[in-house]
């Protein structure tokens, strides 16, 4: 990528060597967005064709649902599962199954890394991580547990400039991660998210109470800026009524303060 400050060698890793494929486009150029969309479509289509995605069975219809990646802007989540790898519960060699599963995962990582490199980009290893776990449901306790799976060899990215293998961070299924404005863990826990939005709501409440804005401007600020940012994570998370009650009280007080 070429910016007003020179080539972004530290962010996207592009080189001044014209013999290398893919030198990017000018940042802010009107052609940047359509070129990025075109490149992403080609990468995702190729990735789907040459990698192992995940397969799920619809609990009602029984139809097979397949997917291999979810992308939002330049953030991409790649995934696979045992069904996508052709591993079934009837297999009697769990160790071999786990090795096969991670072999597919490593192939997916390498494929995506190479596609990004060929398109002129580069993955940032320090921003890449992976989860691997086996979910199981206890019908008696009505509880879902997630057993972490360990690969025999660490999953890695390959630096195509020097062929160095860079290990990826292996996170626990109970570790939360801030992604696209929402803090969630693979096990579905939203405890940290509710703690954060309550803290933010209290902070906003204090600032609004001490604000010198006119009542009309306080209401505009609340409805157009503050509330959307506070409500955004709720769409993608699940809370009990007890968990959300303190948050609802703060929001009600915010609305009252904006009208007073």
C-alpha atoms as a PDB file:
ATOM      1  CA  UNK A   1       0.000   0.000   0.000  1.00  0.00           C
ATOM      2  CA  UNK A   2       1.287   3.444  -0.889  1.00  0.00           C
ATOM      3  CA  UNK A   3       0.351   6.267   1.485  1.00  0.00           C
ATOM      4  CA  UNK A   4       1.128   9.950   1.776  1.00  0.00           C
ATOM      5  CA  UNK A   5       3.866   8.968   4.216  1.00  0.00           C
ATOM      6  CA  UNK A   6       5.543   6.519   1.846  1.00  0.00           C
ATOM      7  CA  UNK A   7       5.182   2.778   1.434  1.00  0.00           C
ATOM      8  CA  UNK A   8       3.530   1.035   4.382  1.00  0.00           C
ATOM      9  CA  UNK A   9       6.370  -1.441   4.817  1.00  0.00           C
ATOM     10  CA  UNK A  10       5.631  -1.896   8.521  1.00  0.00           C
ATOM     11  CA  UNK A  11       1.877  -2.494   8.184  1.00  0.00           C
ATOM     12  CA  UNK A  12       1.319  -4.455   4.989  1.00  0.00           C
ATOM     13  CA  UNK A  13       4.869  -5.526   4.220  1.00  0.00           C
ATOM     14  CA  UNK A  14       4.941  -4.470   0.573  1.00  0.00           C
ATOM     15  CA  UNK A  15       8.336  -4.122  -1.044  1.00  0.00           C
ATOM     16  CA  UNK A  16       9.850  -1.561  -3.426  1.00  0.00           C
ATOM     17  CA  UNK A  17      10.966  -4.420  -5.629  1.00  0.00           C
ATOM     18  CA  UNK A  18       8.731  -4.264  -8.763  1.00  0.00           C
ATOM     19  CA  UNK A  19       9.389  -7.944  -9.443  1.00  0.00           C
ATOM     20  CA  UNK A  20       7.242  -8.889  -6.447  1.00  0.00           C
ATOM     21  CA  UNK A  21       3.585  -9.568  -7.223  1.00  0.00           C
ATOM     22  CA  UNK A  22       1.042  -7.089  -5.924  1.00  0.00           C
ATOM     23  CA  UNK A  23       2.178  -3.599  -4.940  1.00  0.00           C
ATOM     24  CA  UNK A  24      -1.194  -2.306  -3.790  1.00  0.00           C
ATOM     25  CA  UNK A  25      -3.024   0.903  -4.703  1.00  0.00           C
ATOM     26  CA  UNK A  26      -2.919   4.471  -3.467  1.00  0.00           C
ATOM     27  CA  UNK A  27      -4.645   4.901  -0.130  1.00  0.00           C
ATOM     28  CA  UNK A  28      -7.734   7.081  -0.544  1.00  0.00           C
ATOM     29  CA  UNK A  29      -7.938   6.378  -4.256  1.00  0.00           C
ATOM     30  CA  UNK A  30     -11.458   5.945  -5.664  1.00  0.00           C
ATOM     31  CA  UNK A  31     -10.338   2.638  -7.119  1.00  0.00           C
ATOM     32  CA  UNK A  32      -9.076   1.266  -3.777  1.00  0.00           C
ATOM     33  CA  UNK A  33     -12.466   0.034  -2.516  1.00  0.00           C
ATOM     34  CA  UNK A  34     -13.598  -1.850  -5.658  1.00  0.00           C
ATOM     35  CA  UNK A  35     -10.119  -3.337  -6.132  1.00  0.00           C
ATOM     36  CA  UNK A  36     -10.135  -4.538  -2.518  1.00  0.00           C
ATOM     37  CA  UNK A  37     -13.611  -6.064  -2.930  1.00  0.00           C
ATOM     38  CA  UNK A  38     -12.563  -7.766  -6.161  1.00  0.00           C
ATOM     39  CA  UNK A  39      -9.383  -9.110  -4.570  1.00  0.00           C
ATOM     40  CA  UNK A  40     -11.270 -10.316  -1.470  1.00  0.00           C
ATOM     41  CA  UNK A  41     -13.886 -12.105  -3.581  1.00  0.00           C
ATOM     42  CA  UNK A  42     -11.177 -13.928  -5.520  1.00  0.00           C
ATOM     43  CA  UNK A  43      -9.302 -14.846  -2.314  1.00  0.00           C
ATOM     44  CA  UNK A  44     -12.427 -16.091  -0.528  1.00  0.00           C
ATOM     45  CA  UNK A  45     -13.643 -18.082  -3.553  1.00  0.00           C
ATOM     46  CA  UNK A  46     -10.223 -19.674  -4.028  1.00  0.00           C
ATOM     47  CA  UNK A  47      -9.945 -20.342  -0.318  1.00  0.00           C
ATOM     48  CA  UNK A  48     -13.325 -22.105  -0.301  1.00  0.00           C
ATOM     49  CA  UNK A  49     -12.260 -24.293  -3.213  1.00  0.00           C
ATOM     50  CA  UNK A  50      -8.821 -25.269  -1.894  1.00  0.00           C
ATOM     51  CA  UNK A  51      -9.350 -25.568   1.867  1.00  0.00           C
ATOM     52  CA  UNK A  52     -11.411 -27.564   4.349  1.00  0.00           C
ATOM     53  CA  UNK A  53     -14.328 -25.648   5.800  1.00  0.00           C
ATOM     54  CA  UNK A  54     -16.808 -26.459   8.535  1.00  0.00           C
ATOM     55  CA  UNK A  55     -20.055 -28.391   8.101  1.00  0.00           C
ATOM     56  CA  UNK A  56     -23.089 -28.288  10.370  1.00  0.00           C
ATOM     57  CA  UNK A  57     -26.320 -30.285  10.368  1.00  0.00           C
ATOM     58  CA  UNK A  58     -29.451 -28.188  10.783  1.00  0.00           C
ATOM     59  CA  UNK A  59     -31.197 -29.458  13.949  1.00  0.00           C
ATOM     60  CA  UNK A  60     -34.685 -29.294  12.395  1.00  0.00           C
ATOM     61  CA  UNK A  61     -34.401 -29.821   8.647  1.00  0.00           C
ATOM     62  CA  UNK A  62     -31.305 -32.017   8.779  1.00  0.00           C
ATOM     63  CA  UNK A  63     -29.817 -30.076   5.864  1.00  0.00           C
ATOM     64  CA  UNK A  64     -26.051 -29.712   5.646  1.00  0.00           C
ATOM     65  CA  UNK A  65     -24.725 -26.164   6.094  1.00  0.00           C
ATOM     66  CA  UNK A  66     -21.168 -25.447   4.925  1.00  0.00           C
ATOM     67  CA  UNK A  67     -18.923 -22.431   5.441  1.00  0.00           C
ATOM     68  CA  UNK A  68     -15.198 -21.815   5.590  1.00  0.00           C
ATOM     69  CA  UNK A  69     -14.678 -18.120   6.395  1.00  0.00           C
ATOM     70  CA  UNK A  70     -16.323 -14.944   7.649  1.00  0.00           C
ATOM     71  CA  UNK A  71     -14.823 -11.610   6.674  1.00  0.00           C
ATOM     72  CA  UNK A  72     -15.601  -8.106   7.896  1.00  0.00           C
ATOM     73  CA  UNK A  73     -13.446  -5.465   6.207  1.00  0.00           C
ATOM     74  CA  UNK A  74      -9.894  -6.804   6.630  1.00  0.00           C
ATOM     75  CA  UNK A  75     -10.712  -9.065   9.618  1.00  0.00           C
ATOM     76  CA  UNK A  76     -11.141 -12.691   8.614  1.00  0.00           C
ATOM     77  CA  UNK A  77     -12.140 -15.715  10.680  1.00  0.00           C
ATOM     78  CA  UNK A  78     -11.284 -19.122   9.168  1.00  0.00           C
ATOM     79  CA  UNK A  79     -12.776 -22.256  10.638  1.00  0.00           C
ATOM     80  CA  UNK A  80     -13.182 -25.972  10.206  1.00  0.00           C
ATOM     81  CA  UNK A  81     -14.630 -28.828  12.258  1.00  0.00           C
ATOM     82  CA  UNK A  82     -14.526 -32.608  12.432  1.00  0.00           C
ATOM     83  CA  UNK A  83     -17.502 -33.043  10.107  1.00  0.00           C
ATOM     84  CA  UNK A  84     -15.900 -30.763   7.543  1.00  0.00           C
ATOM     85  CA  UNK A  85     -12.733 -32.856   7.778  1.00  0.00           C
ATOM     86  CA  UNK A  86     -14.695 -36.068   7.265  1.00  0.00           C
ATOM     87  CA  UNK A  87     -14.192 -37.247  10.856  1.00  0.00           C
ATOM     88  CA  UNK A  88     -17.251 -38.931  12.429  1.00  0.00           C
ATOM     89  CA  UNK A  89     -18.075 -40.200  15.911  1.00  0.00           C
ATOM     90  CA  UNK A  90     -17.766 -43.768  14.646  1.00  0.00           C
ATOM     91  CA  UNK A  91     -14.008 -43.397  14.118  1.00  0.00           C
ATOM     92  CA  UNK A  92     -12.088 -45.377  16.753  1.00  0.00           C
ATOM     93  CA  UNK A  93      -8.717 -43.618  16.540  1.00  0.00           C
ATOM     94  CA  UNK A  94      -9.076 -40.315  18.440  1.00  0.00           C
ATOM     95  CA  UNK A  95      -5.337 -39.492  18.333  1.00  0.00           C
ATOM     96  CA  UNK A  96      -5.195 -39.910  14.548  1.00  0.00           C
ATOM     97  CA  UNK A  97      -8.414 -37.922  14.212  1.00  0.00           C
ATOM     98  CA  UNK A  98      -6.979 -34.991  16.167  1.00  0.00           C
ATOM     99  CA  UNK A  99      -3.799 -35.043  14.078  1.00  0.00           C
ATOM    100  CA  UNK A 100      -5.879 -35.108  10.887  1.00  0.00           C
ATOM    101  CA  UNK A 101      -8.002 -32.228  12.166  1.00  0.00           C
ATOM    102  CA  UNK A 102      -4.961 -30.035  12.855  1.00  0.00           C
ATOM    103  CA  UNK A 103      -3.394 -30.990   9.524  1.00  0.00           C
ATOM    104  CA  UNK A 104      -6.478 -29.592   7.804  1.00  0.00           C
ATOM    105  CA  UNK A 105      -6.317 -26.490  10.008  1.00  0.00           C
ATOM    106  CA  UNK A 106      -2.652 -25.915   9.134  1.00  0.00           C
ATOM    107  CA  UNK A 107      -3.406 -26.329   5.432  1.00  0.00           C
ATOM    108  CA  UNK A 108      -6.180 -23.719   5.744  1.00  0.00           C
ATOM    109  CA  UNK A 109      -3.815 -21.274   7.436  1.00  0.00           C
ATOM    110  CA  UNK A 110      -1.123 -21.764   4.791  1.00  0.00           C
ATOM    111  CA  UNK A 111      -3.611 -21.383   1.937  1.00  0.00           C
ATOM    112  CA  UNK A 112      -5.032 -18.140   3.307  1.00  0.00           C
ATOM    113  CA  UNK A 113      -1.578 -16.760   4.109  1.00  0.00           C
ATOM    114  CA  UNK A 114      -0.390 -17.425   0.548  1.00  0.00           C
ATOM    115  CA  UNK A 115      -3.527 -15.931  -1.020  1.00  0.00           C
ATOM    116  CA  UNK A 116      -3.095 -12.728   0.969  1.00  0.00           C
ATOM    117  CA  UNK A 117       0.601 -12.584   0.036  1.00  0.00           C
ATOM    118  CA  UNK A 118      -0.095 -13.092  -3.679  1.00  0.00           C
ATOM    119  CA  UNK A 119      -2.696 -10.318  -3.604  1.00  0.00           C
ATOM    120  CA  UNK A 120      -0.122  -7.858  -2.253  1.00  0.00           C
ATOM    121  CA  UNK A 121      -0.884  -8.091   1.446  1.00  0.00           C
ATOM    122  CA  UNK A 122       0.548  -9.817   4.472  1.00  0.00           C
ATOM    123  CA  UNK A 123      -0.931 -11.283   7.642  1.00  0.00           C
ATOM    124  CA  UNK A 124       0.326  -9.856  10.922  1.00  0.00           C
ATOM    125  CA  UNK A 125       1.353 -12.896  13.054  1.00  0.00           C
ATOM    126  CA  UNK A 126       1.000 -10.984  16.339  1.00  0.00           C
ATOM    127  CA  UNK A 127      -2.665 -10.324  15.519  1.00  0.00           C
ATOM    128  CA  UNK A 128      -3.415 -13.924  14.543  1.00  0.00           C
ATOM    129  CA  UNK A 129      -4.562 -16.597  17.004  1.00  0.00           C
ATOM    130  CA  UNK A 130      -6.640 -19.759  17.026  1.00  0.00           C
ATOM    131  CA  UNK A 131      -9.054 -21.741  19.174  1.00  0.00           C
ATOM    132  CA  UNK A 132      -9.395 -25.526  19.115  1.00  0.00           C
ATOM    133  CA  UNK A 133     -11.858 -27.366  21.330  1.00  0.00           C
ATOM    134  CA  UNK A 134     -14.354 -30.200  21.544  1.00  0.00           C
ATOM    135  CA  UNK A 135     -17.817 -29.080  22.739  1.00  0.00           C
ATOM    136  CA  UNK A 136     -20.021 -31.477  24.670  1.00  0.00           C
ATOM    137  CA  UNK A 137     -23.439 -31.055  26.264  1.00  0.00           C
ATOM    138  CA  UNK A 138     -24.440 -32.586  29.605  1.00  0.00           C
ATOM    139  CA  UNK A 139     -28.188 -33.167  29.290  1.00  0.00           C
ATOM    140  CA  UNK A 140     -28.602 -33.940  32.988  1.00  0.00           C
ATOM    141  CA  UNK A 141     -26.925 -30.725  34.139  1.00  0.00           C
ATOM    142  CA  UNK A 142     -27.997 -28.781  31.023  1.00  0.00           C
ATOM    143  CA  UNK A 143     -24.465 -27.492  30.711  1.00  0.00           C
ATOM    144  CA  UNK A 144     -22.145 -27.064  27.725  1.00  0.00           C
ATOM    145  CA  UNK A 145     -18.433 -27.705  28.272  1.00  0.00           C
ATOM    146  CA  UNK A 146     -15.499 -27.097  25.934  1.00  0.00           C
ATOM    147  CA  UNK A 147     -12.410 -29.304  26.105  1.00  0.00           C
ATOM    148  CA  UNK A 148      -9.366 -27.653  24.583  1.00  0.00           C
ATOM    149  CA  UNK A 149      -7.540 -29.694  21.938  1.00  0.00           C
ATOM    150  CA  UNK A 150      -3.759 -29.506  21.706  1.00  0.00           C
ATOM    151  CA  UNK A 151      -1.966 -29.917  18.357  1.00  0.00           C
ATOM    152  CA  UNK A 152       1.106 -32.156  18.211  1.00  0.00           C
ATOM    153  CA  UNK A 153       2.924 -29.335  16.424  1.00  0.00           C
ATOM    154  CA  UNK A 154       2.087 -25.627  16.876  1.00  0.00           C
ATOM    155  CA  UNK A 155       0.039 -24.075  14.096  1.00  0.00           C
ATOM    156  CA  UNK A 156       2.076 -21.441  12.302  1.00  0.00           C
ATOM    157  CA  UNK A 157       2.320 -18.828   9.583  1.00  0.00           C
ATOM    158  CA  UNK A 158       5.152 -18.962   7.058  1.00  0.00           C
ATOM    159  CA  UNK A 159       6.961 -15.735   6.236  1.00  0.00           C
ATOM    160  CA  UNK A 160       7.323 -15.973   2.449  1.00  0.00           C
ATOM    161  CA  UNK A 161      10.299 -13.615   2.416  1.00  0.00           C
ATOM    162  CA  UNK A 162      12.563 -15.857   4.502  1.00  0.00           C
ATOM    163  CA  UNK A 163      10.413 -19.022   4.880  1.00  0.00           C
ATOM    164  CA  UNK A 164      10.494 -18.683   8.673  1.00  0.00           C
ATOM    165  CA  UNK A 165       7.674 -20.434  10.545  1.00  0.00           C
ATOM    166  CA  UNK A 166       5.989 -18.174  13.111  1.00  0.00           C
ATOM    167  CA  UNK A 167       3.892 -19.997  15.780  1.00  0.00           C
ATOM    168  CA  UNK A 168       0.364 -18.682  16.340  1.00  0.00           C
ATOM    169  CA  UNK A 169      -1.122 -17.930  19.748  1.00  0.00           C
ATOM    170  CA  UNK A 170      -3.340 -20.759  21.014  1.00  0.00           C
ATOM    171  CA  UNK A 171      -6.168 -19.328  23.107  1.00  0.00           C
ATOM    172  CA  UNK A 172      -8.431 -21.142  25.553  1.00  0.00           C
ATOM    173  CA  UNK A 173     -12.117 -21.503  24.548  1.00  0.00           C
ATOM    174  CA  UNK A 174     -12.923 -19.548  27.712  1.00  0.00           C
ATOM    175  CA  UNK A 175     -10.690 -16.594  26.784  1.00  0.00           C
ATOM    176  CA  UNK A 176     -12.629 -13.572  25.587  1.00  0.00           C
ATOM    177  CA  UNK A 177     -11.474 -11.517  22.634  1.00  0.00           C
ATOM    178  CA  UNK A 178     -12.586  -8.080  21.479  1.00  0.00           C
ATOM    179  CA  UNK A 179     -13.707  -8.546  17.887  1.00  0.00           C
ATOM    180  CA  UNK A 180     -15.798  -6.103  15.826  1.00  0.00           C
ATOM    181  CA  UNK A 181     -16.845  -4.189  18.922  1.00  0.00           C
ATOM    182  CA  UNK A 182     -18.079  -7.237  20.847  1.00  0.00           C
ATOM    183  CA  UNK A 183     -16.244  -9.181  23.557  1.00  0.00           C
ATOM    184  CA  UNK A 184     -17.070 -12.881  23.387  1.00  0.00           C
ATOM    185  CA  UNK A 185     -15.484 -16.247  24.073  1.00  0.00           C
ATOM    186  CA  UNK A 186     -16.124 -19.340  21.928  1.00  0.00           C
ATOM    187  CA  UNK A 187     -18.017 -20.875  24.849  1.00  0.00           C
ATOM    188  CA  UNK A 188     -20.567 -18.049  24.493  1.00  0.00           C
ATOM    189  CA  UNK A 189     -19.726 -16.304  27.761  1.00  0.00           C
ATOM    190  CA  UNK A 190     -20.609 -12.607  27.724  1.00  0.00           C
ATOM    191  CA  UNK A 191     -19.742 -11.844  31.347  1.00  0.00           C
ATOM    192  CA  UNK A 192     -16.839  -9.557  30.471  1.00  0.00           C
ATOM    193  CA  UNK A 193     -18.949  -7.789  27.854  1.00  0.00           C
ATOM    194  CA  UNK A 194     -21.735  -6.924  30.310  1.00  0.00           C
ATOM    195  CA  UNK A 195     -19.156  -5.687  32.842  1.00  0.00           C
ATOM    196  CA  UNK A 196     -17.623  -3.430  30.196  1.00  0.00           C
ATOM    197  CA  UNK A 197     -20.866  -1.897  28.937  1.00  0.00           C
ATOM    198  CA  UNK A 198     -22.051  -1.245  32.514  1.00  0.00           C
ATOM    199  CA  UNK A 199     -18.743   0.494  33.241  1.00  0.00           C
ATOM    200  CA  UNK A 200     -19.027   2.571  30.069  1.00  0.00           C
ATOM    201  CA  UNK A 201     -22.655   3.458  30.777  1.00  0.00           C
ATOM    202  CA  UNK A 202     -21.737   4.693  34.270  1.00  0.00           C
ATOM    203  CA  UNK A 203     -18.894   6.750  32.845  1.00  0.00           C
ATOM    204  CA  UNK A 204     -21.203   8.347  30.277  1.00  0.00           C
ATOM    205  CA  UNK A 205     -23.822   8.973  32.943  1.00  0.00           C
ATOM    206  CA  UNK A 206     -21.324  10.904  35.047  1.00  0.00           C
ATOM    207  CA  UNK A 207     -20.154  12.995  32.109  1.00  0.00           C
ATOM    208  CA  UNK A 208     -23.702  13.759  30.980  1.00  0.00           C
ATOM    209  CA  UNK A 209     -24.760  14.843  34.476  1.00  0.00           C
ATOM    210  CA  UNK A 210     -21.840  17.289  34.643  1.00  0.00           C
ATOM    211  CA  UNK A 211     -22.214  18.487  31.076  1.00  0.00           C
ATOM    212  CA  UNK A 212     -22.959  22.121  30.283  1.00  0.00           C
ATOM    213  CA  UNK A 213     -24.844  21.197  27.104  1.00  0.00           C
ATOM    214  CA  UNK A 214     -28.372  22.438  26.655  1.00  0.00           C
ATOM    215  CA  UNK A 215     -31.161  19.899  27.216  1.00  0.00           C
ATOM    216  CA  UNK A 216     -31.840  19.595  23.480  1.00  0.00           C
ATOM    217  CA  UNK A 217     -28.173  18.979  22.700  1.00  0.00           C
ATOM    218  CA  UNK A 218     -27.856  16.429  25.518  1.00  0.00           C
ATOM    219  CA  UNK A 219     -30.777  14.470  24.062  1.00  0.00           C
ATOM    220  CA  UNK A 220     -29.291  14.601  20.554  1.00  0.00           C
ATOM    221  CA  UNK A 221     -25.938  13.399  21.886  1.00  0.00           C
ATOM    222  CA  UNK A 222     -27.601  10.564  23.799  1.00  0.00           C
ATOM    223  CA  UNK A 223     -29.829   9.276  20.990  1.00  0.00           C
ATOM    224  CA  UNK A 224     -27.456   9.743  18.042  1.00  0.00           C
ATOM    225  CA  UNK A 225     -24.055   8.870  19.533  1.00  0.00           C
ATOM    226  CA  UNK A 226     -24.151   7.443  23.060  1.00  0.00           C
ATOM    227  CA  UNK A 227     -27.043   4.971  22.895  1.00  0.00           C
ATOM    228  CA  UNK A 228     -25.975   3.353  19.578  1.00  0.00           C
ATOM    229  CA  UNK A 229     -22.477   2.730  20.958  1.00  0.00           C
ATOM    230  CA  UNK A 230     -23.870   1.274  24.196  1.00  0.00           C
ATOM    231  CA  UNK A 231     -26.527  -0.870  22.485  1.00  0.00           C
ATOM    232  CA  UNK A 232     -24.286  -2.193  19.697  1.00  0.00           C
ATOM    233  CA  UNK A 233     -22.844  -5.202  21.610  1.00  0.00           C
ATOM    234  CA  UNK A 234     -26.286  -6.300  22.855  1.00  0.00           C
ATOM    235  CA  UNK A 235     -27.341  -7.515  19.408  1.00  0.00           C
ATOM    236  CA  UNK A 236     -24.639 -10.192  19.344  1.00  0.00           C
ATOM    237  CA  UNK A 237     -24.796 -11.310  22.987  1.00  0.00           C
ATOM    238  CA  UNK A 238     -27.154 -13.085  25.372  1.00  0.00           C
ATOM    239  CA  UNK A 239     -27.836 -11.977  28.938  1.00  0.00           C
ATOM    240  CA  UNK A 240     -30.170 -13.044  31.696  1.00  0.00           C
ATOM    241  CA  UNK A 241     -32.652 -10.532  33.058  1.00  0.00           C
ATOM    242  CA  UNK A 242     -30.653 -10.391  36.288  1.00  0.00           C
ATOM    243  CA  UNK A 243     -27.419  -9.604  34.409  1.00  0.00           C
ATOM    244  CA  UNK A 244     -28.932  -6.832  32.317  1.00  0.00           C
ATOM    245  CA  UNK A 245     -30.954  -5.158  35.094  1.00  0.00           C
ATOM    246  CA  UNK A 246     -28.147  -2.809  36.333  1.00  0.00           C
ATOM    247  CA  UNK A 247     -27.509  -1.758  32.740  1.00  0.00           C
ATOM    248  CA  UNK A 248     -31.169  -0.985  32.125  1.00  0.00           C
ATOM    249  CA  UNK A 249     -31.312   1.164  35.260  1.00  0.00           C
ATOM    250  CA  UNK A 250     -28.314   3.212  34.129  1.00  0.00           C
ATOM    251  CA  UNK A 251     -29.788   3.722  30.649  1.00  0.00           C
ATOM    252  CA  UNK A 252     -33.102   4.868  32.163  1.00  0.00           C
ATOM    253  CA  UNK A 253     -31.255   7.368  34.368  1.00  0.00           C
ATOM    254  CA  UNK A 254     -29.281   8.565  31.330  1.00  0.00           C
ATOM    255  CA  UNK A 255     -32.467   9.265  29.435  1.00  0.00           C
ATOM    256  CA  UNK A 256     -33.949  11.129  32.409  1.00  0.00           C
ATOM    257  CA  UNK A 257     -30.805  13.215  32.849  1.00  0.00           C
ATOM    258  CA  UNK A 258     -30.835  14.144  29.177  1.00  0.00           C
ATOM    259  CA  UNK A 259     -34.389  15.462  29.495  1.00  0.00           C
ATOM    260  CA  UNK A 260     -33.950  17.411  32.734  1.00  0.00           C
END
